[in-house]
Amino acid sequence: MVSWFEQAWTAAEVVVIEFIKAFSSSFYHPPLYQKHTYISMEIQILKTLLIVFLLNHSINHTTRIAADETLSHSQPIFSQSPTPSAPPSHYHRHYLRRILLGLFFGSLTGFILSISLLFSIRHCLFYVNRIPLLTGPVVFSPKISPKALQCAVFDEDVQSTHLLGSSPTSKCYRVELEDGVTVAVKRVEPNCPDCDCSPAQPETKSALRKVQQGLETLALVNYRNVMSLRAYVRHSHDRFSLVYDYAPNGSLEDAMKQARLSQLRMGWDVRHRIAIGIVKGLRYLHFEHTPRLLHYNLKPTNVLLDDEFEPRLADCGVLRLLCGNANFYSTYAAPECFQSCRYTDKSDIFSFGVILGTLLTGRDPTDTFFSNRESGSLGRWLRRVQQTGEARQALDKDILGEEFEEDEMLMAMRIAVVCLSDSPADRPSSDELVAMLTQLHSF
């Protein structure tokens, strides 16, 4: 009996521990600093449940052996004094049936109670080990001091004198911390009167935990062309300050404005490199990062330029995370976002098509040039000039140069027109776009 018990204990312990690891991971994903403790607690509880189950099974096994011995001893008694006219013994059949039914229902009851107890314990563990709502600055970079960040974020002088840009939902500031680190702080306020925005229920604790998990995911982004979240501060239920690396050359929107005013020279080589960098960032989000991420708000103001004019995508997924199913009337948004409120990776591709068209023509998609024309939008205008053979006249005069560069720009315009297709299925993927744009020099 001892040998059987030890073997059953060892085998059952291994099987059930692997089961609970897979079972727990499907319902709850604790942070790294809680994962080991969480699994250790469940293993201890499972060991207790195993002892109860195996004791119950051993008792049933002992009872079954005793019943078999009783039947084996009682059999000769009937065989010693058989009578031809004696009726069959219904008593022993009934006794055996009762034993078997008792064993079956006893095992079934023990199994059901064990599963119920397991679910109850899991519910208690989930409540105890749920992700805590962090207060104060949450810092992911060792270069940033939480105390210095706390003081700088709430400094009214910084917000009034170091404004980098603003939108209906956010304002971005340049902040110099006490330890000499310069960062960009974007204060996001989803509830704004200028947009049809339905917040993702930030007033509930469960929604705040989802936002916190989403921000932690953005902090794990590690790619040259994607801006990683360095820290964040939660001011209230739906207002956050997001901290990024400071980009000294500002955004692509700022660079294009300076180029239109002839304050900045941006040749085709620079614009081509910016376009490739944006697509590489999208490819990383769509295909290489786990879990898969979508940008949801790709536009020139969210494309930052570093010292080498290398683009870095900022605010990846922040709009969806903090605003839920927001409907922003942006000229960079794909048509399906307004028609069916459905957003996919091909919606990011449409936004990139608008940016590529802006790089090629030098025109802002909100320019009255498009509103006064029959086309009404940058994408339709590009499609029309492509069909009428006027694509060369549509190119930005400031980047016209060598003939081979013009040929590359004309091919890039065809790529932009494909990205701006009304049907998402007709648009290329970000992986395909990287190959298409990088091979322009080879044609």
Protein backbone atom coordinates (compact mmCIF):
# COMPACT_ATOMS: atom_id res chain seq x y z
CA MET A 1 0.00 0.00 0.00
CA VAL A 2 2.86 2.42 0.79
CA SER A 3 4.56 1.74 -2.55
CA TRP A 4 1.32 2.29 -4.48
CA PHE A 5 0.62 5.51 -2.61
CA GLU A 6 4.11 6.91 -3.25
CA GLN A 7 3.97 6.10 -6.95
CA ALA A 8 0.49 7.61 -7.34
CA TRP A 9 1.57 10.71 -5.41
CA THR A 10 4.63 11.31 -7.59
CA ALA A 11 2.80 10.80 -10.89
CA ALA A 12 -0.27 12.83 -9.91
CA GLU A 13 1.84 15.68 -8.53
CA VAL A 14 3.74 16.12 -11.79
CA VAL A 15 0.61 15.93 -13.96
CA VAL A 16 -1.51 18.28 -11.89
CA ILE A 17 1.26 20.86 -11.42
CA GLU A 18 1.69 21.11 -15.19
CA PHE A 19 -2.08 21.31 -15.53
CA ILE A 20 -2.43 24.18 -13.09
CA LYS A 21 0.39 26.14 -14.77
CA ALA A 22 -1.40 25.95 -18.10
CA PHE A 23 -4.79 26.48 -16.45
CA SER A 24 -3.66 29.56 -14.52
CA SER A 25 -1.91 31.15 -17.48
CA SER A 26 -5.14 31.06 -19.49
CA PHE A 27 -7.01 33.13 -16.91
CA TYR A 28 -4.41 35.35 -15.31
CA HIS A 29 -1.05 36.72 -16.39
CA PRO A 30 0.71 38.04 -13.28
CA PRO A 31 3.62 40.42 -13.64
CA LEU A 32 7.13 39.01 -13.59
CA TYR A 33 7.76 39.95 -9.98
CA GLN A 34 4.64 38.03 -8.82
CA LYS A 35 4.67 35.05 -11.18
CA HIS A 36 6.97 32.78 -9.12
CA THR A 37 5.10 33.45 -5.86
CA TYR A 38 1.74 32.94 -7.53
CA ILE A 39 2.67 29.52 -8.97
CA SER A 40 4.34 28.41 -5.69
CA MET A 41 1.15 29.14 -3.73
CA GLU A 42 -0.93 27.16 -6.21
CA ILE A 43 1.49 24.22 -6.01
CA GLN A 44 1.20 24.11 -2.22
CA ILE A 45 -2.58 24.17 -2.47
CA LEU A 46 -2.52 21.44 -5.08
CA LYS A 47 -0.38 19.26 -2.85
CA THR A 48 -3.00 19.56 -0.14
CA LEU A 49 -5.74 18.68 -2.62
CA LEU A 50 -3.71 15.71 -3.81
CA ILE A 51 -3.36 14.37 -0.28
CA VAL A 52 -7.12 14.63 0.25
CA PHE A 53 -7.88 13.03 -3.11
CA LEU A 54 -5.37 10.19 -2.69
CA LEU A 55 -6.54 9.47 0.86
CA ASN A 56 -10.09 9.30 -0.43
CA HIS A 57 -8.95 7.04 -3.25
CA SER A 58 -6.98 4.80 -0.87
CA ILE A 59 -10.03 4.47 1.39
CA ASN A 60 -12.16 3.52 -1.58
CA HIS A 61 -9.47 1.07 -2.70
CA THR A 62 -9.36 -0.51 0.77
CA THR A 63 -13.14 -0.75 0.84
CA ARG A 64 -13.14 -2.42 -2.56
CA ILE A 65 -10.56 -5.00 -1.37
CA ALA A 66 -12.59 -5.70 1.76
CA ALA A 67 -15.72 -6.17 -0.32
CA ASP A 68 -13.93 -8.59 -2.61
CA GLU A 69 -12.63 -10.57 0.34
CA THR A 70 -16.14 -10.71 1.83
CA LEU A 71 -17.56 -12.07 -1.39
CA SER A 72 -14.72 -14.59 -1.77
CA HIS A 73 -15.27 -15.90 1.78
CA SER A 74 -19.00 -16.06 1.38
CA GLN A 75 -18.88 -18.05 -1.85
CA PRO A 76 -17.89 -21.46 -0.31
CA ILE A 77 -20.69 -21.21 2.21
CA PHE A 78 -23.26 -21.29 -0.54
CA SER A 79 -21.40 -24.05 -2.38
CA GLN A 80 -21.23 -26.28 0.74
CA SER A 81 -24.95 -26.60 1.19
CA PRO A 82 -26.52 -26.27 -2.21
CA THR A 83 -30.09 -27.22 -2.58
CA PRO A 84 -31.57 -27.84 -5.96
CA SER A 85 -34.68 -26.00 -5.05
CA ALA A 86 -32.96 -23.02 -3.41
CA PRO A 87 -33.66 -19.70 -5.18
CA PRO A 88 -30.70 -17.52 -6.32
CA SER A 89 -29.32 -15.20 -3.67
CA HIS A 90 -30.55 -11.70 -4.44
CA TYR A 91 -29.13 -10.42 -1.17
CA HIS A 92 -25.47 -10.65 -2.21
CA ARG A 93 -26.20 -9.12 -5.63
CA HIS A 94 -27.90 -6.23 -3.95
CA TYR A 95 -24.96 -5.92 -1.52
CA LEU A 96 -22.43 -5.87 -4.35
CA ARG A 97 -24.47 -3.27 -6.26
CA ARG A 98 -24.56 -1.03 -3.21
CA ILE A 99 -20.78 -1.26 -2.82
CA LEU A 100 -20.16 -0.40 -6.47
CA LEU A 101 -22.61 2.50 -6.42
CA GLY A 102 -21.05 3.79 -3.21
CA LEU A 103 -17.59 3.68 -4.72
CA PHE A 104 -18.77 5.44 -7.88
CA PHE A 105 -20.73 8.22 -6.21
CA GLY A 106 -18.06 8.66 -3.52
CA SER A 107 -15.34 9.15 -6.13
CA LEU A 108 -17.58 11.44 -8.20
CA THR A 109 -18.48 13.54 -5.16
CA GLY A 110 -14.82 13.82 -4.15
CA PHE A 111 -13.85 14.88 -7.65
CA ILE A 112 -16.59 17.52 -7.86
CA LEU A 113 -15.72 18.90 -4.43
CA SER A 114 -12.03 19.03 -5.35
CA ILE A 115 -12.75 20.96 -8.56
CA SER A 116 -15.10 23.33 -6.69
CA LEU A 117 -12.49 23.89 -4.02
CA LEU A 118 -9.85 24.49 -6.69
CA PHE A 119 -11.98 27.14 -8.42
CA SER A 120 -12.74 28.81 -5.08
CA ILE A 121 -9.06 28.91 -4.18
CA ARG A 122 -8.19 30.22 -7.65
CA HIS A 123 -10.75 32.99 -7.25
CA CYS A 124 -9.27 33.94 -3.89
CA LEU A 125 -5.73 33.86 -5.28
CA PHE A 126 -6.76 35.98 -8.24
CA TYR A 127 -8.25 38.54 -5.85
CA VAL A 128 -5.20 38.55 -3.58
CA ASN A 129 -2.60 38.50 -6.39
CA ARG A 130 -4.31 40.84 -8.84
CA ILE A 131 -2.13 43.53 -10.31
CA PRO A 132 -1.97 46.42 -7.84
CA LEU A 133 -2.87 49.88 -9.03
CA LEU A 134 0.40 51.77 -8.90
CA THR A 135 0.35 55.32 -7.64
CA GLY A 136 2.84 58.04 -8.32
CA PRO A 137 5.37 57.96 -11.17
CA VAL A 138 5.93 54.53 -12.73
CA VAL A 139 9.44 54.56 -14.19
CA PHE A 140 10.84 51.98 -16.61
CA SER A 141 14.19 53.66 -17.34
CA PRO A 142 17.03 53.75 -14.79
CA LYS A 143 18.04 57.19 -16.09
CA ILE A 144 14.87 58.82 -14.76
CA SER A 145 14.40 59.62 -11.09
CA PRO A 146 10.79 59.19 -9.89
CA LYS A 147 11.12 62.10 -7.48
CA ALA A 148 12.53 64.45 -10.12
CA LEU A 149 9.83 63.37 -12.57
CA GLN A 150 7.08 63.95 -10.02
CA CYS A 151 8.26 67.49 -9.40
CA ALA A 152 8.69 68.32 -13.08
CA VAL A 153 5.36 66.96 -14.26
CA PHE A 154 3.36 69.12 -11.88
CA ASP A 155 5.44 72.26 -12.48
CA GLU A 156 3.12 74.84 -14.07
CA ASP A 157 6.05 76.91 -15.37
CA VAL A 158 7.30 73.98 -17.44
CA GLN A 159 3.88 73.45 -18.99
CA SER A 160 3.56 77.10 -19.97
CA THR A 161 7.07 77.78 -21.31
CA HIS A 162 8.20 74.47 -22.86
CA LEU A 163 5.20 73.50 -24.96
CA LEU A 164 6.21 71.38 -27.97
CA GLY A 165 2.81 70.79 -29.50
CA SER A 166 -0.83 70.13 -28.78
CA SER A 167 -3.83 68.25 -30.14
CA PRO A 168 -7.48 67.93 -29.10
CA THR A 169 -6.54 65.14 -26.69
CA SER A 170 -3.02 65.93 -25.53
CA LYS A 171 -0.26 68.46 -24.97
CA CYS A 172 3.44 67.73 -25.22
CA TYR A 173 6.15 69.49 -23.17
CA ARG A 174 9.91 69.42 -23.03
CA VAL A 175 10.96 68.69 -19.48
CA GLU A 176 14.47 68.95 -18.04
CA LEU A 177 14.77 66.87 -14.88
CA GLU A 178 16.95 67.80 -11.92
CA ASP A 179 19.52 65.12 -12.80
CA GLY A 180 20.10 66.67 -16.24
CA VAL A 181 17.98 64.24 -18.28
CA THR A 182 15.75 65.85 -20.92
CA VAL A 183 12.52 64.04 -21.75
CA ALA A 184 9.30 64.72 -23.61
CA VAL A 185 6.13 64.52 -21.53
CA LYS A 186 2.78 64.13 -23.24
CA ARG A 187 -0.24 64.80 -21.07
CA VAL A 188 -3.21 62.84 -22.42
CA GLU A 189 -6.77 63.90 -21.61
CA PRO A 190 -9.20 61.66 -23.55
CA ASN A 191 -12.37 63.49 -22.55
CA CYS A 192 -12.34 66.42 -24.89
CA PRO A 193 -15.15 68.35 -26.60
CA ASP A 194 -13.49 68.29 -30.03
CA CYS A 195 -13.70 64.56 -30.69
CA ASP A 196 -16.24 61.81 -30.50
CA CYS A 197 -14.38 59.84 -27.87
CA SER A 198 -15.75 57.07 -25.67
CA PRO A 199 -13.23 56.40 -22.90
CA ALA A 200 -12.40 52.79 -22.14
CA GLN A 201 -14.25 52.94 -18.79
CA PRO A 202 -11.23 54.33 -16.93
CA GLU A 203 -13.27 54.90 -13.79
CA THR A 204 -13.36 51.16 -13.02
CA LYS A 205 -10.40 49.50 -11.34
CA SER A 206 -10.38 46.63 -13.80
CA ALA A 207 -10.13 49.09 -16.71
CA LEU A 208 -7.31 50.94 -14.96
CA ARG A 209 -5.44 47.66 -14.58
CA LYS A 210 -5.87 47.00 -18.30
CA VAL A 211 -4.49 50.46 -19.07
CA GLN A 212 -1.59 49.81 -16.70
CA GLN A 213 -0.83 46.49 -18.39
CA GLY A 214 -1.01 48.15 -21.80
CA LEU A 215 1.44 50.87 -20.77
CA GLU A 216 3.81 48.22 -19.42
CA THR A 217 3.63 46.51 -22.83
CA LEU A 218 4.59 49.78 -24.54
CA ALA A 219 7.56 50.05 -22.19
CA LEU A 220 8.85 46.69 -23.48
CA VAL A 221 9.01 47.91 -27.09
CA ASN A 222 12.61 47.75 -28.27
CA TYR A 223 13.18 48.85 -31.87
CA ARG A 224 15.08 51.67 -33.53
CA ASN A 225 12.06 53.13 -35.33
CA VAL A 226 9.58 52.85 -32.45
CA MET A 227 9.58 55.13 -29.43
CA SER A 228 9.56 53.20 -26.14
CA LEU A 229 7.63 54.46 -23.12
CA ARG A 230 10.10 55.49 -20.41
CA ALA A 231 7.66 56.34 -17.61
CA TYR A 232 4.14 57.53 -16.90
CA VAL A 233 2.25 59.38 -14.20
CA ARG A 234 -1.45 58.87 -13.52
CA HIS A 235 -3.09 62.13 -12.48
CA SER A 236 -6.66 60.87 -12.28
CA HIS A 237 -8.74 57.99 -13.58
CA ASP A 238 -8.46 58.99 -17.24
CA ARG A 239 -5.56 61.48 -17.36
CA PHE A 240 -2.00 60.32 -17.80
CA SER A 241 1.37 61.90 -18.47
CA LEU A 242 3.47 59.71 -20.77
CA VAL A 243 7.24 60.16 -20.77
CA TYR A 244 9.34 59.52 -23.90
CA ASP A 245 12.87 60.25 -25.03
CA TYR A 246 13.25 63.81 -26.23
CA ALA A 247 13.60 64.13 -30.02
CA PRO A 248 15.72 67.23 -30.75
CA ASN A 249 14.48 67.57 -34.35
CA GLY A 250 10.84 67.53 -33.34
CA SER A 251 8.19 65.75 -35.32
CA LEU A 252 7.78 65.11 -39.03
CA GLU A 253 4.97 67.66 -38.99
CA ASP A 254 7.40 70.34 -37.77
CA ALA A 255 9.98 69.37 -40.39
CA MET A 256 7.46 69.51 -43.25
CA LYS A 257 6.25 72.94 -42.12
CA GLN A 258 9.83 74.23 -42.12
CA ALA A 259 10.39 72.70 -45.56
CA ARG A 260 7.33 74.49 -46.97
CA LEU A 261 8.70 77.76 -45.60
CA SER A 262 12.14 77.00 -47.09
CA GLN A 263 13.61 76.95 -43.59
CA LEU A 264 14.76 73.35 -43.89
CA ARG A 265 16.18 71.45 -46.82
CA MET A 266 14.69 67.96 -47.09
CA GLY A 267 15.85 66.21 -50.24
CA TRP A 268 14.47 62.99 -51.64
CA ASP A 269 17.14 60.90 -49.89
CA VAL A 270 16.02 62.21 -46.49
CA ARG A 271 12.32 61.76 -47.24
CA HIS A 272 12.90 58.31 -48.69
CA ARG A 273 14.80 57.26 -45.55
CA ILE A 274 12.01 58.63 -43.36
CA ALA A 275 9.39 56.65 -45.32
CA ILE A 276 11.40 53.42 -44.99
CA GLY A 277 11.89 54.00 -41.26
CA ILE A 278 8.15 54.48 -40.70
CA VAL A 279 7.33 51.27 -42.56
CA LYS A 280 9.99 49.35 -40.64
CA GLY A 281 8.43 50.55 -37.40
CA LEU A 282 5.01 49.36 -38.59
CA ARG A 283 6.47 45.99 -39.60
CA TYR A 284 7.89 45.60 -36.10
CA LEU A 285 4.53 46.38 -34.51
CA HIS A 286 2.51 44.21 -36.91
CA PHE A 287 4.74 41.15 -37.28
CA GLU A 288 7.67 41.11 -34.86
CA HIS A 289 6.37 42.33 -31.52
CA THR A 290 4.50 39.99 -29.18
CA PRO A 291 1.68 40.73 -28.59
CA ARG A 292 0.88 42.28 -31.95
CA LEU A 293 0.36 46.03 -31.81
CA LEU A 294 -1.45 48.52 -34.02
CA HIS A 295 -0.70 52.21 -33.99
CA TYR A 296 -4.29 53.53 -34.30
CA ASN A 297 -3.15 57.15 -34.69
CA LEU A 298 -0.35 57.32 -37.24
CA LYS A 299 0.25 60.87 -38.48
CA PRO A 300 3.23 63.23 -38.87
CA THR A 301 2.90 64.63 -35.34
CA ASN A 302 3.44 61.09 -33.98
CA VAL A 303 6.56 60.54 -36.10
CA LEU A 304 9.53 61.97 -34.20
CA LEU A 305 12.94 62.61 -35.74
CA ASP A 306 16.18 61.93 -33.85
CA ASP A 307 19.60 63.53 -34.36
CA GLU A 308 20.12 61.65 -37.64
CA PHE A 309 16.59 62.37 -38.91
CA GLU A 310 15.70 58.73 -38.33
CA PRO A 311 11.94 58.44 -37.71
CA ARG A 312 10.57 56.94 -34.50
CA LEU A 313 6.89 56.16 -34.08
CA ALA A 314 5.39 57.54 -30.88
CA ASP A 315 2.10 56.91 -29.08
CA CYS A 316 1.72 53.40 -30.49
CA GLY A 317 -1.68 52.14 -29.38
CA VAL A 318 -2.15 54.92 -26.83
CA LEU A 319 -5.30 56.26 -28.49
CA ARG A 320 -7.00 52.85 -28.33
CA LEU A 321 -5.74 52.17 -24.84
CA LEU A 322 -6.91 55.40 -23.22
CA CYS A 323 -9.86 56.36 -25.41
CA GLY A 324 -11.40 53.00 -26.25
CA ASN A 325 -13.47 53.11 -29.45
CA ALA A 326 -12.63 56.68 -30.26
CA ASN A 327 -13.70 58.22 -33.53
CA PHE A 328 -11.34 61.06 -34.39
CA TYR A 329 -12.10 62.90 -37.59
CA SER A 330 -8.55 62.80 -38.92
CA THR A 331 -7.48 63.18 -42.52
CA TYR A 332 -5.03 60.34 -41.91
CA ALA A 333 -7.69 57.81 -40.84
CA ALA A 334 -8.78 55.02 -43.19
CA PRO A 335 -12.36 55.09 -44.54
CA GLU A 336 -13.35 51.86 -42.76
CA CYS A 337 -12.68 53.59 -39.43
CA PHE A 338 -15.67 55.84 -40.09
CA GLN A 339 -17.84 53.32 -41.91
CA SER A 340 -17.60 50.27 -39.65
CA CYS A 341 -15.40 51.45 -36.74
CA ARG A 342 -13.09 48.56 -37.58
CA TYR A 343 -9.34 49.08 -37.32
CA THR A 344 -6.74 46.63 -38.67
CA ASP A 345 -3.10 46.71 -39.70
CA LYS A 346 -4.27 47.81 -43.16
CA SER A 347 -5.71 50.93 -41.51
CA ASP A 348 -2.18 51.81 -40.40
CA ILE A 349 -1.09 51.27 -44.00
CA PHE A 350 -3.66 53.80 -45.21
CA SER A 351 -2.32 56.37 -42.74
CA PHE A 352 1.18 55.68 -44.00
CA GLY A 353 -0.05 56.23 -47.57
CA VAL A 354 -1.20 59.73 -46.61
CA ILE A 355 2.19 60.44 -45.00
CA LEU A 356 4.02 59.15 -48.09
CA GLY A 357 1.86 61.35 -50.29
CA THR A 358 2.72 64.32 -48.10
CA LEU A 359 6.45 63.55 -48.38
CA LEU A 360 6.19 63.36 -52.17
CA THR A 361 4.00 66.40 -52.84
CA GLY A 362 4.93 68.58 -49.88
CA ARG A 363 1.23 69.37 -49.36
CA ASP A 364 -0.64 69.12 -46.09
CA PRO A 365 -3.75 66.90 -46.48
CA THR A 366 -5.76 69.53 -44.60
CA ASP A 367 -4.81 72.20 -47.16
CA THR A 368 -7.68 74.09 -48.78
CA PHE A 369 -6.09 73.05 -52.07
CA PHE A 370 -7.93 69.72 -51.75
CA SER A 371 -11.19 71.03 -50.35
CA ASN A 372 -11.60 73.38 -53.32
CA ARG A 373 -11.16 70.56 -55.82
CA GLU A 374 -13.47 67.84 -56.99
CA SER A 375 -11.24 65.12 -55.51
CA GLY A 376 -11.68 66.45 -51.97
CA SER A 377 -8.77 64.55 -50.43
CA LEU A 378 -5.07 63.91 -50.94
CA GLY A 379 -5.60 60.26 -51.79
CA ARG A 380 -8.20 60.87 -54.49
CA TRP A 381 -6.14 63.69 -55.95
CA LEU A 382 -3.07 61.44 -56.18
CA ARG A 383 -5.14 58.75 -57.86
CA ARG A 384 -6.51 61.26 -60.39
CA VAL A 385 -3.11 62.72 -61.32
CA GLN A 386 -1.76 59.20 -61.63
CA GLN A 387 -4.50 58.27 -64.08
CA THR A 388 -4.20 61.46 -66.12
CA GLY A 389 -0.42 61.26 -66.40
CA GLU A 390 0.20 64.43 -64.36
CA ALA A 391 2.08 62.70 -61.54
CA ARG A 392 5.36 64.47 -62.28
CA GLN A 393 3.70 67.89 -61.95
CA ALA A 394 2.31 66.86 -58.56
CA LEU A 395 5.75 66.26 -57.03
CA ASP A 396 7.23 68.75 -54.60
CA LYS A 397 9.34 71.20 -56.58
CA ASP A 398 11.87 71.45 -53.74
CA ILE A 399 12.91 67.79 -54.13
CA LEU A 400 13.04 67.63 -57.92
CA GLY A 401 16.57 66.96 -59.04
CA GLU A 402 18.23 64.21 -60.97
CA GLU A 403 16.15 62.24 -63.45
CA PHE A 404 16.69 58.92 -61.68
CA GLU A 405 15.40 60.49 -58.44
CA GLU A 406 12.26 61.65 -60.23
CA ASP A 407 11.70 58.12 -61.50
CA GLU A 408 12.02 56.80 -57.95
CA MET A 409 9.54 59.40 -56.70
CA LEU A 410 7.06 58.48 -59.42
CA MET A 411 7.28 54.82 -58.42
CA ALA A 412 6.88 55.84 -54.79
CA MET A 413 3.74 57.74 -55.78
CA ARG A 414 2.31 54.54 -57.27
CA ILE A 415 3.02 52.83 -53.94
CA ALA A 416 1.22 55.65 -52.10
CA VAL A 417 -1.83 55.30 -54.36
CA VAL A 418 -1.99 51.56 -53.65
CA CYS A 419 -1.73 52.22 -49.90
CA LEU A 420 -4.65 54.66 -50.20
CA SER A 421 -7.00 52.10 -51.75
CA ASP A 422 -10.53 52.23 -50.38
CA SER A 423 -10.55 48.46 -49.83
CA PRO A 424 -8.20 47.23 -47.07
CA ALA A 425 -7.61 43.99 -48.99
CA ASP A 426 -6.03 45.96 -51.86
CA ARG A 427 -3.41 47.58 -49.63
CA PRO A 428 -0.02 45.94 -49.16
CA SER A 429 1.23 44.80 -45.77
CA SER A 430 3.98 46.63 -43.91
CA ASP A 431 6.32 43.72 -44.61
CA GLU A 432 5.71 44.06 -48.34
CA LEU A 433 6.14 47.84 -48.20
CA VAL A 434 9.61 47.54 -46.68
CA ALA A 435 10.73 45.48 -49.66
CA MET A 436 9.01 47.79 -52.16
CA LEU A 437 10.52 51.00 -50.81
CA THR A 438 14.03 49.65 -50.21
CA GLN A 439 14.20 48.36 -53.77
CA LEU A 440 13.43 51.74 -55.39
CA HIS A 441 17.13 52.46 -55.84
CA SER A 442 17.58 49.21 -57.79
CA PHE A 443 15.05 50.07 -60.52
